[in-house]
Amino acid sequence: MRVSKLFKRELANIFLHELDFPDGTFVTILDVEVSPNLQQAKVYITITPVERSKQVFLILKRNIFAIQQNLNKRLKMRPTPKISWVQGDYASRAQRIEELLEQIEKNK
């Protein structure tokens, strides 16, 4: 649990200061699950607007080596868990609910 929080905090700092996401795009780290043997880390993220998901995942994929190296330096732990990105669908659900509410409002 403690490793997950530390991993999440450092990854959030990397997202803020090291990566260039498109203007108006918000990438939120929802959760990080680190395996008991510290080999793997699943990073759950949401992307707003949802339409930019592919673009953001491409940026993350292109920069995975730099992100991993940066985490290695910051965390000073061996092994540093290998990252896999998982898209949380909370944002897409929320966006769909907003669209439905707008549609209901228009039909009144």
PDB file of N, CA and C in Angstrom:
ATOM      1  N   MET A   1       0.836  -1.197   0.000  1.00  0.00           N
ATOM      2  CA  MET A   1       0.000   0.000   0.000  1.00  0.00           C
ATOM      3  C   MET A   1       0.879   1.259   0.000  1.00  0.00           C
ATOM      4  N   ARG A   2       1.877   1.292   0.826  1.00  0.00           N
ATOM      5  CA  ARG A   2       2.746   2.451   0.927  1.00  0.00           C
ATOM      6  C   ARG A   2       3.510   2.686  -0.378  1.00  0.00           C
ATOM      7  N   VAL A   3       3.975   1.607  -0.987  1.00  0.00           N
ATOM      8  CA  VAL A   3       4.703   1.705  -2.258  1.00  0.00           C
ATOM      9  C   VAL A   3       3.791   2.280  -3.336  1.00  0.00           C
ATOM     10  N   SER A   4       2.539   1.852  -3.354  1.00  0.00           N
ATOM     11  CA  SER A   4       1.574   2.346  -4.347  1.00  0.00           C
ATOM     12  C   SER A   4       1.385   3.852  -4.239  1.00  0.00           C
ATOM     13  N   LYS A   5       1.264   4.348  -3.011  1.00  0.00           N
ATOM     14  CA  LYS A   5       1.073   5.789  -2.807  1.00  0.00           C
ATOM     15  C   LYS A   5       2.300   6.578  -3.251  1.00  0.00           C
ATOM     16  N   LEU A   6       3.469   6.079  -2.902  1.00  0.00           N
ATOM     17  CA  LEU A   6       4.711   6.732  -3.300  1.00  0.00           C
ATOM     18  C   LEU A   6       4.850   6.735  -4.823  1.00  0.00           C
ATOM     19  N   PHE A   7       4.564   5.608  -5.429  1.00  0.00           N
ATOM     20  CA  PHE A   7       4.627   5.455  -6.880  1.00  0.00           C
ATOM     21  C   PHE A   7       3.667   6.441  -7.550  1.00  0.00           C
ATOM     22  N   LYS A   8       2.454   6.527  -7.019  1.00  0.00           N
ATOM     23  CA  LYS A   8       1.433   7.427  -7.572  1.00  0.00           C
ATOM     24  C   LYS A   8       1.882   8.886  -7.473  1.00  0.00           C
ATOM     25  N   ARG A   9       2.420   9.269  -6.316  1.00  0.00           N
ATOM     26  CA  ARG A   9       2.850  10.653  -6.115  1.00  0.00           C
ATOM     27  C   ARG A   9       3.978  11.031  -7.079  1.00  0.00           C
ATOM     28  N   GLU A  10       4.969  10.161  -7.201  1.00  0.00           N
ATOM     29  CA  GLU A  10       6.097  10.457  -8.085  1.00  0.00           C
ATOM     30  C   GLU A  10       5.672  10.467  -9.553  1.00  0.00           C
ATOM     31  N   LEU A  11       4.787   9.567  -9.908  1.00  0.00           N
ATOM     32  CA  LEU A  11       4.284   9.522 -11.279  1.00  0.00           C
ATOM     33  C   LEU A  11       3.481  10.788 -11.600  1.00  0.00           C
ATOM     34  N   ALA A  12       2.707  11.267 -10.640  1.00  0.00           N
ATOM     35  CA  ALA A  12       1.944  12.508 -10.828  1.00  0.00           C
ATOM     36  C   ALA A  12       2.891  13.686 -11.067  1.00  0.00           C
ATOM     37  N   ASN A  13       3.996  13.731 -10.324  1.00  0.00           N
ATOM     38  CA  ASN A  13       4.988  14.793 -10.535  1.00  0.00           C
ATOM     39  C   ASN A  13       5.608  14.713 -11.925  1.00  0.00           C
ATOM     40  N   ILE A  14       5.871  13.507 -12.382  1.00  0.00           N
ATOM     41  CA  ILE A  14       6.418  13.329 -13.729  1.00  0.00           C
ATOM     42  C   ILE A  14       5.408  13.795 -14.770  1.00  0.00           C
ATOM     43  N   PHE A  15       4.134  13.442 -14.577  1.00  0.00           N
ATOM     44  CA  PHE A  15       3.081  13.875 -15.505  1.00  0.00           C
ATOM     45  C   PHE A  15       3.036  15.402 -15.578  1.00  0.00           C
ATOM     46  N   LEU A  16       3.130  16.056 -14.432  1.00  0.00           N
ATOM     47  CA  LEU A  16       3.026  17.518 -14.379  1.00  0.00           C
ATOM     48  C   LEU A  16       4.233  18.228 -14.983  1.00  0.00           C
ATOM     49  N   HIS A  17       5.423  17.725 -14.702  1.00  0.00           N
ATOM     50  CA  HIS A  17       6.630  18.479 -15.036  1.00  0.00           C
ATOM     51  C   HIS A  17       7.432  17.944 -16.223  1.00  0.00           C
ATOM     52  N   GLU A  18       7.227  16.700 -16.583  1.00  0.00           N
ATOM     53  CA  GLU A  18       8.084  16.097 -17.604  1.00  0.00           C
ATOM     54  C   GLU A  18       7.364  15.797 -18.929  1.00  0.00           C
ATOM     55  N   LEU A  19       6.049  15.615 -18.882  1.00  0.00           N
ATOM     56  CA  LEU A  19       5.324  15.216 -20.089  1.00  0.00           C
ATOM     57  C   LEU A  19       4.539  16.381 -20.668  1.00  0.00           C
ATOM     58  N   ASP A  20       4.400  16.373 -21.976  1.00  0.00           N
ATOM     59  CA  ASP A  20       3.650  17.409 -22.685  1.00  0.00           C
ATOM     60  C   ASP A  20       2.378  16.809 -23.266  1.00  0.00           C
ATOM     61  N   PHE A  21       1.283  16.975 -22.546  1.00  0.00           N
ATOM     62  CA  PHE A  21      -0.002  16.523 -23.066  1.00  0.00           C
ATOM     63  C   PHE A  21      -0.629  17.677 -23.845  1.00  0.00           C
ATOM     64  N   PRO A  22      -1.524  17.381 -24.796  1.00  0.00           N
ATOM     65  CA  PRO A  22      -2.165  18.451 -25.575  1.00  0.00           C
ATOM     66  C   PRO A  22      -2.913  19.436 -24.665  1.00  0.00           C
ATOM     67  N   ASP A  23      -2.943  20.698 -25.079  1.00  0.00           N
ATOM     68  CA  ASP A  23      -3.667  21.719 -24.314  1.00  0.00           C
ATOM     69  C   ASP A  23      -5.110  21.293 -24.096  1.00  0.00           C
ATOM     70  N   GLY A  24      -5.610  21.540 -22.897  1.00  0.00           N
ATOM     71  CA  GLY A  24      -6.992  21.208 -22.583  1.00  0.00           C
ATOM     72  C   GLY A  24      -7.214  19.738 -22.274  1.00  0.00           C
ATOM     73  N   THR A  25      -6.138  18.978 -22.151  1.00  0.00           N
ATOM     74  CA  THR A  25      -6.252  17.558 -21.839  1.00  0.00           C
ATOM     75  C   THR A  25      -5.851  17.344 -20.387  1.00  0.00           C
ATOM     76  N   PHE A  26      -6.691  16.627 -19.663  1.00  0.00           N
ATOM     77  CA  PHE A  26      -6.422  16.333 -18.265  1.00  0.00           C
ATOM     78  C   PHE A  26      -6.237  14.835 -18.095  1.00  0.00           C
ATOM     79  N   VAL A  27      -5.090  14.462 -17.550  1.00  0.00           N
ATOM     80  CA  VAL A  27      -4.792  13.059 -17.286  1.00  0.00           C
ATOM     81  C   VAL A  27      -4.720  12.909 -15.774  1.00  0.00           C
ATOM     82  N   THR A  28      -5.594  12.064 -15.232  1.00  0.00           N
ATOM     83  CA  THR A  28      -5.677  11.866 -13.796  1.00  0.00           C
ATOM     84  C   THR A  28      -5.289  10.443 -13.441  1.00  0.00           C
ATOM     85  N   ILE A  29      -4.411  10.301 -12.472  1.00  0.00           N
ATOM     86  CA  ILE A  29      -4.042   8.977 -11.975  1.00  0.00           C
ATOM     87  C   ILE A  29      -5.043   8.607 -10.892  1.00  0.00           C
ATOM     88  N   LEU A  30      -5.854   7.599 -11.174  1.00  0.00           N
ATOM     89  CA  LEU A  30      -6.869   7.165 -10.222  1.00  0.00           C
ATOM     90  C   LEU A  30      -6.283   6.286  -9.132  1.00  0.00           C
ATOM     91  N   ASP A  31      -5.461   5.333  -9.548  1.00  0.00           N
ATOM     92  CA  ASP A  31      -4.942   4.356  -8.598  1.00  0.00           C
ATOM     93  C   ASP A  31      -3.701   3.700  -9.182  1.00  0.00           C
ATOM     94  N   VAL A  32      -2.893   3.145  -8.312  1.00  0.00           N
ATOM     95  CA  VAL A  32      -1.731   2.362  -8.721  1.00  0.00           C
ATOM     96  C   VAL A  32      -1.746   1.079  -7.910  1.00  0.00           C
ATOM     97  N   GLU A  33      -1.703  -0.043  -8.607  1.00  0.00           N
ATOM     98  CA  GLU A  33      -1.625  -1.350  -7.953  1.00  0.00           C
ATOM     99  C   GLU A  33      -0.244  -1.934  -8.230  1.00  0.00           C
ATOM    100  N   VAL A  34       0.542  -2.093  -7.179  1.00  0.00           N
ATOM    101  CA  VAL A  34       1.877  -2.668  -7.312  1.00  0.00           C
ATOM    102  C   VAL A  34       1.811  -4.120  -6.861  1.00  0.00           C
ATOM    103  N   SER A  35       2.375  -5.011  -7.670  1.00  0.00           N
ATOM    104  CA  SER A  35       2.362  -6.436  -7.331  1.00  0.00           C
ATOM    105  C   SER A  35       3.207  -6.683  -6.073  1.00  0.00           C
ATOM    106  N   PRO A  36       2.876  -7.730  -5.319  1.00  0.00           N
ATOM    107  CA  PRO A  36       3.613  -8.033  -4.080  1.00  0.00           C
ATOM    108  C   PRO A  36       5.126  -8.214  -4.284  1.00  0.00           C
ATOM    109  N   ASN A  37       5.527  -8.729  -5.439  1.00  0.00           N
ATOM    110  CA  ASN A  37       6.960  -8.923  -5.695  1.00  0.00           C
ATOM    111  C   ASN A  37       7.628  -7.676  -6.296  1.00  0.00           C
ATOM    112  N   LEU A  38       6.872  -6.587  -6.404  1.00  0.00           N
ATOM    113  CA  LEU A  38       7.351  -5.294  -6.911  1.00  0.00           C
ATOM    114  C   LEU A  38       7.829  -5.337  -8.362  1.00  0.00           C
ATOM    115  N   GLN A  39       7.347  -6.293  -9.123  1.00  0.00           N
ATOM    116  CA  GLN A  39       7.754  -6.417 -10.523  1.00  0.00           C
ATOM    117  C   GLN A  39       6.856  -5.610 -11.465  1.00  0.00           C
ATOM    118  N   GLN A  40       5.579  -5.481 -11.136  1.00  0.00           N
ATOM    119  CA  GLN A  40       4.601  -4.832 -12.015  1.00  0.00           C
ATOM    120  C   GLN A  40       3.829  -3.747 -11.263  1.00  0.00           C
ATOM    121  N   ALA A  41       3.438  -2.716 -11.998  1.00  0.00           N
ATOM    122  CA  ALA A  41       2.566  -1.671 -11.456  1.00  0.00           C
ATOM    123  C   ALA A  41       1.509  -1.346 -12.501  1.00  0.00           C
ATOM    124  N   LYS A  42       0.251  -1.546 -12.132  1.00  0.00           N
ATOM    125  CA  LYS A  42      -0.854  -1.141 -13.003  1.00  0.00           C
ATOM    126  C   LYS A  42      -1.249   0.273 -12.599  1.00  0.00           C
ATOM    127  N   VAL A  43      -1.195   1.168 -13.564  1.00  0.00           N
ATOM    128  CA  VAL A  43      -1.531   2.568 -13.311  1.00  0.00           C
ATOM    129  C   VAL A  43      -2.860   2.858 -13.996  1.00  0.00           C
ATOM    130  N   TYR A  44      -3.887   3.134 -13.189  1.00  0.00           N
ATOM    131  CA  TYR A  44      -5.227   3.422 -13.697  1.00  0.00           C
ATOM    132  C   TYR A  44      -5.351   4.925 -13.895  1.00  0.00           C
ATOM    133  N   ILE A  45      -5.680   5.323 -15.123  1.00  0.00           N
ATOM    134  CA  ILE A  45      -5.786   6.749 -15.435  1.00  0.00           C
ATOM    135  C   ILE A  45      -7.112   7.054 -16.122  1.00  0.00           C
ATOM    136  N   THR A  46      -7.539   8.308 -15.983  1.00  0.00           N
ATOM    137  CA  THR A  46      -8.660   8.805 -16.781  1.00  0.00           C
ATOM    138  C   THR A  46      -8.131   9.957 -17.628  1.00  0.00           C
ATOM    139  N   ILE A  47      -8.748  10.109 -18.773  1.00  0.00           N
ATOM    140  CA  ILE A  47      -8.338  11.146 -19.713  1.00  0.00           C
ATOM    141  C   ILE A  47      -9.571  11.951 -20.097  1.00  0.00           C
ATOM    142  N   THR A  48      -9.466  13.269 -19.938  1.00  0.00           N
ATOM    143  CA  THR A  48     -10.553  14.157 -20.301  1.00  0.00           C
ATOM    144  C   THR A  48     -10.000  15.205 -21.250  1.00  0.00           C
ATOM    145  N   PRO A  49     -10.615  15.411 -22.386  1.00  0.00           N
ATOM    146  CA  PRO A  49     -11.769  14.721 -22.946  1.00  0.00           C
ATOM    147  C   PRO A  49     -11.382  13.318 -23.437  1.00  0.00           C
ATOM    148  N   VAL A  50     -12.349  12.444 -23.403  1.00  0.00           N
ATOM    149  CA  VAL A  50     -12.151  11.040 -23.761  1.00  0.00           C
ATOM    150  C   VAL A  50     -11.633  10.897 -25.195  1.00  0.00           C
ATOM    151  N   GLU A  51     -12.017  11.829 -26.064  1.00  0.00           N
ATOM    152  CA  GLU A  51     -11.613  11.762 -27.475  1.00  0.00           C
ATOM    153  C   GLU A  51     -10.093  11.803 -27.652  1.00  0.00           C
ATOM    154  N   ARG A  52      -9.381  12.287 -26.648  1.00  0.00           N
ATOM    155  CA  ARG A  52      -7.922  12.386 -26.754  1.00  0.00           C
ATOM    156  C   ARG A  52      -7.202  11.184 -26.140  1.00  0.00           C
ATOM    157  N   SER A  53      -7.941  10.152 -25.785  1.00  0.00           N
ATOM    158  CA  SER A  53      -7.354   8.976 -25.138  1.00  0.00           C
ATOM    159  C   SER A  53      -6.252   8.343 -25.971  1.00  0.00           C
ATOM    160  N   LYS A  54      -6.520   8.133 -27.253  1.00  0.00           N
ATOM    161  CA  LYS A  54      -5.514   7.491 -28.116  1.00  0.00           C
ATOM    162  C   LYS A  54      -4.240   8.323 -28.169  1.00  0.00           C
ATOM    163  N   GLN A  55      -4.410   9.628 -28.283  1.00  0.00           N
ATOM    164  CA  GLN A  55      -3.266  10.532 -28.360  1.00  0.00           C
ATOM    165  C   GLN A  55      -2.445  10.479 -27.062  1.00  0.00           C
ATOM    166  N   VAL A  56      -3.129  10.476 -25.925  1.00  0.00           N
ATOM    167  CA  VAL A  56      -2.443  10.428 -24.630  1.00  0.00           C
ATOM    168  C   VAL A  56      -1.722   9.098 -24.446  1.00  0.00           C
ATOM    169  N   PHE A  57      -2.388   7.994 -24.807  1.00  0.00           N
ATOM    170  CA  PHE A  57      -1.739   6.692 -24.669  1.00  0.00           C
ATOM    171  C   PHE A  57      -0.519   6.587 -25.582  1.00  0.00           C
ATOM    172  N   LEU A  58      -0.567   7.228 -26.726  1.00  0.00           N
ATOM    173  CA  LEU A  58       0.588   7.254 -27.621  1.00  0.00           C
ATOM    174  C   LEU A  58       1.749   8.016 -26.972  1.00  0.00           C
ATOM    175  N   ILE A  59       1.437   9.138 -26.344  1.00  0.00           N
ATOM    176  CA  ILE A  59       2.460   9.917 -25.634  1.00  0.00           C
ATOM    177  C   ILE A  59       3.063   9.084 -24.506  1.00  0.00           C
ATOM    178  N   LEU A  60       2.216   8.401 -23.745  1.00  0.00           N
ATOM    179  CA  LEU A  60       2.705   7.569 -22.645  1.00  0.00           C
ATOM    180  C   LEU A  60       3.570   6.422 -23.162  1.00  0.00           C
ATOM    181  N   LYS A  61       3.136   5.830 -24.262  1.00  0.00           N
ATOM    182  CA  LYS A  61       3.891   4.713 -24.846  1.00  0.00           C
ATOM    183  C   LYS A  61       5.264   5.184 -25.340  1.00  0.00           C
ATOM    184  N   ARG A  62       5.287   6.325 -26.009  1.00  0.00           N
ATOM    185  CA  ARG A  62       6.548   6.867 -26.533  1.00  0.00           C
ATOM    186  C   ARG A  62       7.527   7.236 -25.415  1.00  0.00           C
ATOM    187  N   ASN A  63       6.989   7.637 -24.275  1.00  0.00           N
ATOM    188  CA  ASN A  63       7.823   8.127 -23.176  1.00  0.00           C
ATOM    189  C   ASN A  63       8.014   7.120 -22.045  1.00  0.00           C
ATOM    190  N   ILE A  64       7.573   5.887 -22.237  1.00  0.00           N
ATOM    191  CA  ILE A  64       7.614   4.912 -21.148  1.00  0.00           C
ATOM    192  C   ILE A  64       9.031   4.700 -20.622  1.00  0.00           C
ATOM    193  N   PHE A  65      10.020   4.652 -21.502  1.00  0.00           N
ATOM    194  CA  PHE A  65      11.397   4.433 -21.061  1.00  0.00           C
ATOM    195  C   PHE A  65      11.870   5.591 -20.179  1.00  0.00           C
ATOM    196  N   ALA A  66      11.609   6.820 -20.605  1.00  0.00           N
ATOM    197  CA  ALA A  66      12.009   7.996 -19.823  1.00  0.00           C
ATOM    198  C   ALA A  66      11.264   8.048 -18.492  1.00  0.00           C
ATOM    199  N   ILE A  67       9.973   7.714 -18.514  1.00  0.00           N
ATOM    200  CA  ILE A  67       9.179   7.696 -17.282  1.00  0.00           C
ATOM    201  C   ILE A  67       9.753   6.661 -16.320  1.00  0.00           C
ATOM    202  N   GLN A  68      10.036   5.478 -16.841  1.00  0.00           N
ATOM    203  CA  GLN A  68      10.574   4.397 -16.017  1.00  0.00           C
ATOM    204  C   GLN A  68      11.935   4.792 -15.426  1.00  0.00           C
ATOM    205  N   GLN A  69      12.797   5.394 -16.241  1.00  0.00           N
ATOM    206  CA  GLN A  69      14.110   5.842 -15.757  1.00  0.00           C
ATOM    207  C   GLN A  69      13.969   6.905 -14.677  1.00  0.00           C
ATOM    208  N   ASN A  70      13.056   7.835 -14.905  1.00  0.00           N
ATOM    209  CA  ASN A  70      12.814   8.898 -13.941  1.00  0.00           C
ATOM    210  C   ASN A  70      12.343   8.321 -12.609  1.00  0.00           C
ATOM    211  N   LEU A  71      11.447   7.347 -12.669  1.00  0.00           N
ATOM    212  CA  LEU A  71      10.976   6.691 -11.443  1.00  0.00           C
ATOM    213  C   LEU A  71      12.111   5.950 -10.746  1.00  0.00           C
ATOM    214  N   ASN A  72      12.973   5.305 -11.525  1.00  0.00           N
ATOM    215  CA  ASN A  72      14.119   4.602 -10.939  1.00  0.00           C
ATOM    216  C   ASN A  72      14.970   5.557 -10.108  1.00  0.00           C
ATOM    217  N   LYS A  73      15.220   6.759 -10.642  1.00  0.00           N
ATOM    218  CA  LYS A  73      16.026   7.757  -9.932  1.00  0.00           C
ATOM    219  C   LYS A  73      15.308   8.276  -8.689  1.00  0.00           C
ATOM    220  N   ARG A  74      14.019   8.553  -8.831  1.00  0.00           N
ATOM    221  CA  ARG A  74      13.265   9.150  -7.737  1.00  0.00           C
ATOM    222  C   ARG A  74      12.995   8.173  -6.591  1.00  0.00           C
ATOM    223  N   LEU A  75      12.685   6.934  -6.930  1.00  0.00           N
ATOM    224  CA  LEU A  75      12.257   5.976  -5.909  1.00  0.00           C
ATOM    225  C   LEU A  75      13.417   5.256  -5.231  1.00  0.00           C
ATOM    226  N   LYS A  76      14.529   5.130  -5.914  1.00  0.00           N
ATOM    227  CA  LYS A  76      15.699   4.456  -5.359  1.00  0.00           C
ATOM    228  C   LYS A  76      15.347   3.093  -4.756  1.00  0.00           C
ATOM    229  N   MET A  77      14.569   2.333  -5.493  1.00  0.00           N
ATOM    230  CA  MET A  77      14.227   0.985  -5.039  1.00  0.00           C
ATOM    231  C   MET A  77      14.519   0.001  -6.154  1.00  0.00           C
ATOM    232  N   ARG A  78      14.903  -1.171  -5.776  1.00  0.00           N
ATOM    233  CA  ARG A  78      15.187  -2.220  -6.745  1.00  0.00           C
ATOM    234  C   ARG A  78      14.386  -3.442  -6.403  1.00  0.00           C
ATOM    235  N   PRO A  79      13.674  -4.019  -7.312  1.00  0.00           N
ATOM    236  CA  PRO A  79      13.445  -3.490  -8.647  1.00  0.00           C
ATOM    237  C   PRO A  79      12.385  -2.399  -8.609  1.00  0.00           C
ATOM    238  N   THR A  80      12.422  -1.507  -9.573  1.00  0.00           N
ATOM    239  CA  THR A  80      11.336  -0.547  -9.733  1.00  0.00           C
ATOM    240  C   THR A  80      10.275  -1.237 -10.582  1.00  0.00           C
ATOM    241  N   PRO A  81       9.025  -1.221 -10.114  1.00  0.00           N
ATOM    242  CA  PRO A  81       7.965  -1.923 -10.857  1.00  0.00           C
ATOM    243  C   PRO A  81       7.842  -1.444 -12.302  1.00  0.00           C
ATOM    244  N   LYS A  82       7.589  -2.373 -13.189  1.00  0.00           N
ATOM    245  CA  LYS A  82       7.377  -2.079 -14.603  1.00  0.00           C
ATOM    246  C   LYS A  82       5.932  -1.607 -14.787  1.00  0.00           C
ATOM    247  N   ILE A  83       5.758  -0.505 -15.485  1.00  0.00           N
ATOM    248  CA  ILE A  83       4.450   0.146 -15.607  1.00  0.00           C
ATOM    249  C   ILE A  83       3.615  -0.451 -16.732  1.00  0.00           C
ATOM    250  N   SER A  84       2.328  -0.618 -16.442  1.00  0.00           N
ATOM    251  CA  SER A  84       1.348  -0.870 -17.502  1.00  0.00           C
ATOM    252  C   SER A  84       0.196   0.101 -17.267  1.00  0.00           C
ATOM    253  N   TRP A  85      -0.267   0.721 -18.339  1.00  0.00           N
ATOM    254  CA  TRP A  85      -1.324   1.734 -18.260  1.00  0.00           C
ATOM    255  C   TRP A  85      -2.680   1.074 -18.435  1.00  0.00           C
ATOM    256  N   VAL A  86      -3.644   1.482 -17.613  1.00  0.00           N
ATOM    257  CA  VAL A  86      -5.011   0.981 -17.713  1.00  0.00           C
ATOM    258  C   VAL A  86      -5.930   2.195 -17.697  1.00  0.00           C
ATOM    259  N   GLN A  87      -6.805   2.271 -18.690  1.00  0.00           N
ATOM    260  CA  GLN A  87      -7.720   3.412 -18.735  1.00  0.00           C
ATOM    261  C   GLN A  87      -8.945   3.124 -17.892  1.00  0.00           C
ATOM    262  N   GLY A  88      -9.175   3.991 -16.903  1.00  0.00           N
ATOM    263  CA  GLY A  88     -10.402   3.921 -16.124  1.00  0.00           C
ATOM    264  C   GLY A  88     -11.516   4.515 -16.958  1.00  0.00           C
ATOM    265  N   ASP A  89     -12.687   3.949 -16.896  1.00  0.00           N
ATOM    266  CA  ASP A  89     -13.777   4.443 -17.746  1.00  0.00           C
ATOM    267  C   ASP A  89     -14.703   5.404 -17.015  1.00  0.00           C
ATOM    268  N   TYR A  90     -14.263   5.920 -15.870  1.00  0.00           N
ATOM    269  CA  TYR A  90     -15.090   6.851 -15.109  1.00  0.00           C
ATOM    270  C   TYR A  90     -15.393   8.112 -15.907  1.00  0.00           C
ATOM    271  N   ALA A  91     -14.390   8.626 -16.585  1.00  0.00           N
ATOM    272  CA  ALA A  91     -14.585   9.868 -17.342  1.00  0.00           C
ATOM    273  C   ALA A  91     -15.565   9.669 -18.485  1.00  0.00           C
ATOM    274  N   SER A  92     -15.457   8.551 -19.186  1.00  0.00           N
ATOM    275  CA  SER A  92     -16.371   8.319 -20.307  1.00  0.00           C
ATOM    276  C   SER A  92     -17.797   8.120 -19.805  1.00  0.00           C
ATOM    277  N   ARG A  93     -17.944   7.472 -18.661  1.00  0.00           N
ATOM    278  CA  ARG A  93     -19.285   7.313 -18.074  1.00  0.00           C
ATOM    279  C   ARG A  93     -19.860   8.664 -17.669  1.00  0.00           C
ATOM    280  N   ALA A  94     -19.043   9.477 -17.027  1.00  0.00           N
ATOM    281  CA  ALA A  94     -19.505  10.796 -16.595  1.00  0.00           C
ATOM    282  C   ALA A  94     -19.886  11.654 -17.794  1.00  0.00           C
ATOM    283  N   GLN A  95     -19.083  11.594 -18.839  1.00  0.00           N
ATOM    284  CA  GLN A  95     -19.373  12.368 -20.045  1.00  0.00           C
ATOM    285  C   GLN A  95     -20.685  11.899 -20.672  1.00  0.00           C
ATOM    286  N   ARG A  96     -20.908  10.604 -20.712  1.00  0.00           N
ATOM    287  CA  ARG A  96     -22.140  10.041 -21.281  1.00  0.00           C
ATOM    288  C   ARG A  96     -23.349  10.478 -20.455  1.00  0.00           C
ATOM    289  N   ILE A  97     -23.223  10.482 -19.147  1.00  0.00           N
ATOM    290  CA  ILE A  97     -24.317  10.922 -18.271  1.00  0.00           C
ATOM    291  C   ILE A  97     -24.627  12.393 -18.525  1.00  0.00           C
ATOM    292  N   GLU A  98     -23.584  13.215 -18.674  1.00  0.00           N
ATOM    293  CA  GLU A  98     -23.795  14.634 -18.969  1.00  0.00           C
ATOM    294  C   GLU A  98     -24.527  14.823 -20.292  1.00  0.00           C
ATOM    295  N   GLU A  99     -24.142  14.041 -21.299  1.00  0.00           N
ATOM    296  CA  GLU A  99     -24.804  14.126 -22.605  1.00  0.00           C
ATOM    297  C   GLU A  99     -26.275  13.750 -22.488  1.00  0.00           C
ATOM    298  N   LEU A 100     -26.566  12.699 -21.739  1.00  0.00           N
ATOM    299  CA  LEU A 100     -27.954  12.269 -21.556  1.00  0.00           C
ATOM    300  C   LEU A 100     -28.761  13.321 -20.805  1.00  0.00           C
ATOM    301  N   LEU A 101     -28.166  13.927 -19.786  1.00  0.00           N
ATOM    302  CA  LEU A 101     -28.862  14.972 -19.034  1.00  0.00           C
ATOM    303  C   LEU A 101     -29.143  16.192 -19.913  1.00  0.00           C
ATOM    304  N   GLU A 102     -28.191  16.556 -20.757  1.00  0.00           N
ATOM    305  CA  GLU A 102     -28.403  17.671 -21.687  1.00  0.00           C
ATOM    306  C   GLU A 102     -29.525  17.353 -22.668  1.00  0.00           C
ATOM    307  N   GLN A 103     -29.547  16.110 -23.135  1.00  0.00           N
ATOM    308  CA  GLN A 103     -30.584  15.679 -24.067  1.00  0.00           C
ATOM    309  C   GLN A 103     -31.962  15.736 -23.403  1.00  0.00           C
ATOM    310  N   ILE A 104     -32.041  15.301 -22.160  1.00  0.00           N
ATOM    311  CA  ILE A 104     -33.305  15.349 -21.416  1.00  0.00           C
ATOM    312  C   ILE A 104     -33.746  16.795 -21.250  1.00  0.00           C
ATOM    313  N   GLU A 105     -32.798  17.662 -20.915  1.00  0.00           N
ATOM    314  CA  GLU A 105     -33.102  19.077 -20.713  1.00  0.00           C
ATOM    315  C   GLU A 105     -33.630  19.720 -21.999  1.00  0.00           C
ATOM    316  N   LYS A 106     -33.060  19.360 -23.147  1.00  0.00           N
ATOM    317  CA  LYS A 106     -33.506  19.898 -24.433  1.00  0.00           C
ATOM    318  C   LYS A 106     -34.910  19.419 -24.786  1.00  0.00           C
ATOM    319  N   ASN A 107     -35.242  18.204 -24.390  1.00  0.00           N
ATOM    320  CA  ASN A 107     -36.536  17.611 -24.735  1.00  0.00           C
ATOM    321  C   ASN A 107     -37.672  18.057 -23.820  1.00  0.00           C
ATOM    322  N   LYS A 108     -37.390  18.853 -22.810  1.00  0.00           N
ATOM    323  CA  LYS A 108     -38.448  19.306 -21.890  1.00  0.00           C
ATOM    324  C   LYS A 108     -39.335  20.331 -22.535  1.00  0.00           C
TER     325      LYS A 108
END
